[in-house]
Amino acid sequence: MNAKAKTAPAAVQEQGTSSPAAAPQLPALGEQVTVQDPTGALMNLETGQRFAAGEPTPSA
């Protein structure tokens, strides 16, 4: 598969505006994304292990 890599945020920040923020665009099924978790608390459901803290990790 040769899909563009995207970065998925580990946390969504709230904005202090009165208008609702646009929802982030979700990756398409089978699209490869890069996950970066600064805490190392997120579980990779493909491998059953935790994502490495602070290290971008490819995930499909």
C-alpha atoms as a PDB file:
ATOM      1  CA  MET A   1       0.000   0.000   0.000  1.00  0.00           C
ATOM      2  CA  ASN A   2       1.350   3.400  -0.906  1.00  0.00           C
ATOM      3  CA  ALA A   3      -0.951   5.808   0.953  1.00  0.00           C
ATOM      4  CA  LYS A   4       0.014   9.208   2.314  1.00  0.00           C
ATOM      5  CA  ALA A   5       0.969   9.163   5.981  1.00  0.00           C
ATOM      6  CA  LYS A   6      -0.971  11.446   8.308  1.00  0.00           C
ATOM      7  CA  THR A   7      -0.373  12.322  11.934  1.00  0.00           C
ATOM      8  CA  ALA A   8      -3.233  11.464  14.285  1.00  0.00           C
ATOM      9  CA  PRO A   9      -3.372  13.628  17.414  1.00  0.00           C
ATOM     10  CA  ALA A  10      -3.291  11.823  20.759  1.00  0.00           C
ATOM     11  CA  ALA A  11      -5.431  14.533  22.370  1.00  0.00           C
ATOM     12  CA  VAL A  12      -7.798  17.179  20.992  1.00  0.00           C
ATOM     13  CA  GLN A  13      -7.452  20.684  22.391  1.00  0.00           C
ATOM     14  CA  GLU A  14     -10.548  22.783  23.034  1.00  0.00           C
ATOM     15  CA  GLN A  15     -10.738  26.234  21.531  1.00  0.00           C
ATOM     16  CA  GLY A  16     -12.199  29.157  23.480  1.00  0.00           C
ATOM     17  CA  THR A  17     -14.526  30.300  20.691  1.00  0.00           C
ATOM     18  CA  SER A  18     -18.292  30.532  20.643  1.00  0.00           C
ATOM     19  CA  SER A  19     -18.631  28.807  17.252  1.00  0.00           C
ATOM     20  CA  PRO A  20     -18.235  25.013  17.083  1.00  0.00           C
ATOM     21  CA  ALA A  21     -14.906  23.792  15.726  1.00  0.00           C
ATOM     22  CA  ALA A  22     -14.891  21.714  12.553  1.00  0.00           C
ATOM     23  CA  ALA A  23     -14.454  18.002  13.195  1.00  0.00           C
ATOM     24  CA  PRO A  24     -11.018  16.653  12.207  1.00  0.00           C
ATOM     25  CA  GLN A  25     -10.978  14.632   9.000  1.00  0.00           C
ATOM     26  CA  LEU A  26     -10.694  10.938   9.835  1.00  0.00           C
ATOM     27  CA  PRO A  27      -8.396   8.654   7.822  1.00  0.00           C
ATOM     28  CA  ALA A  28      -9.980   6.380   5.220  1.00  0.00           C
ATOM     29  CA  LEU A  29     -10.230   2.651   5.872  1.00  0.00           C
ATOM     30  CA  GLY A  30      -6.835   1.075   5.191  1.00  0.00           C
ATOM     31  CA  GLU A  31      -5.011   4.428   5.083  1.00  0.00           C
ATOM     32  CA  GLN A  32      -1.708   4.465   6.952  1.00  0.00           C
ATOM     33  CA  VAL A  33      -1.352   7.048   9.728  1.00  0.00           C
ATOM     34  CA  THR A  34       1.450   7.964  12.108  1.00  0.00           C
ATOM     35  CA  VAL A  35       0.596   7.927  15.811  1.00  0.00           C
ATOM     36  CA  GLN A  36       2.632   9.906  18.326  1.00  0.00           C
ATOM     37  CA  ASP A  37       1.771   9.556  22.012  1.00  0.00           C
ATOM     38  CA  PRO A  38       3.900  11.704  24.331  1.00  0.00           C
ATOM     39  CA  THR A  39       2.889   9.663  27.399  1.00  0.00           C
ATOM     40  CA  GLY A  40       3.159   6.102  26.067  1.00  0.00           C
ATOM     41  CA  ALA A  41      -0.311   5.336  27.444  1.00  0.00           C
ATOM     42  CA  LEU A  42      -2.117   4.538  24.150  1.00  0.00           C
ATOM     43  CA  MET A  43      -2.556   0.862  23.272  1.00  0.00           C
ATOM     44  CA  ASN A  44      -1.816  -0.297  19.714  1.00  0.00           C
ATOM     45  CA  LEU A  45      -4.740  -2.627  18.977  1.00  0.00           C
ATOM     46  CA  GLU A  46      -2.905  -4.225  16.037  1.00  0.00           C
ATOM     47  CA  THR A  47       0.049  -5.442  18.100  1.00  0.00           C
ATOM     48  CA  GLY A  48      -1.393  -5.464  21.634  1.00  0.00           C
ATOM     49  CA  GLN A  49       1.511  -3.309  22.864  1.00  0.00           C
ATOM     50  CA  ARG A  50       1.692   0.342  23.876  1.00  0.00           C
ATOM     51  CA  PHE A  51       2.893   3.010  21.448  1.00  0.00           C
ATOM     52  CA  ALA A  52       6.432   4.210  22.253  1.00  0.00           C
ATOM     53  CA  ALA A  53       6.380   7.465  24.234  1.00  0.00           C
ATOM     54  CA  GLY A  54       7.188  10.451  22.005  1.00  0.00           C
ATOM     55  CA  GLU A  55       8.149   8.298  19.008  1.00  0.00           C
ATOM     56  CA  PRO A  56       6.065   8.547  15.774  1.00  0.00           C
ATOM     57  CA  THR A  57       4.859   5.033  14.927  1.00  0.00           C
ATOM     58  CA  PRO A  58       3.319   3.977  11.579  1.00  0.00           C
ATOM     59  CA  SER A  59      -0.045   2.293  11.993  1.00  0.00           C
ATOM     60  CA  ALA A  60      -2.612   1.125   9.427  1.00  0.00           C
END
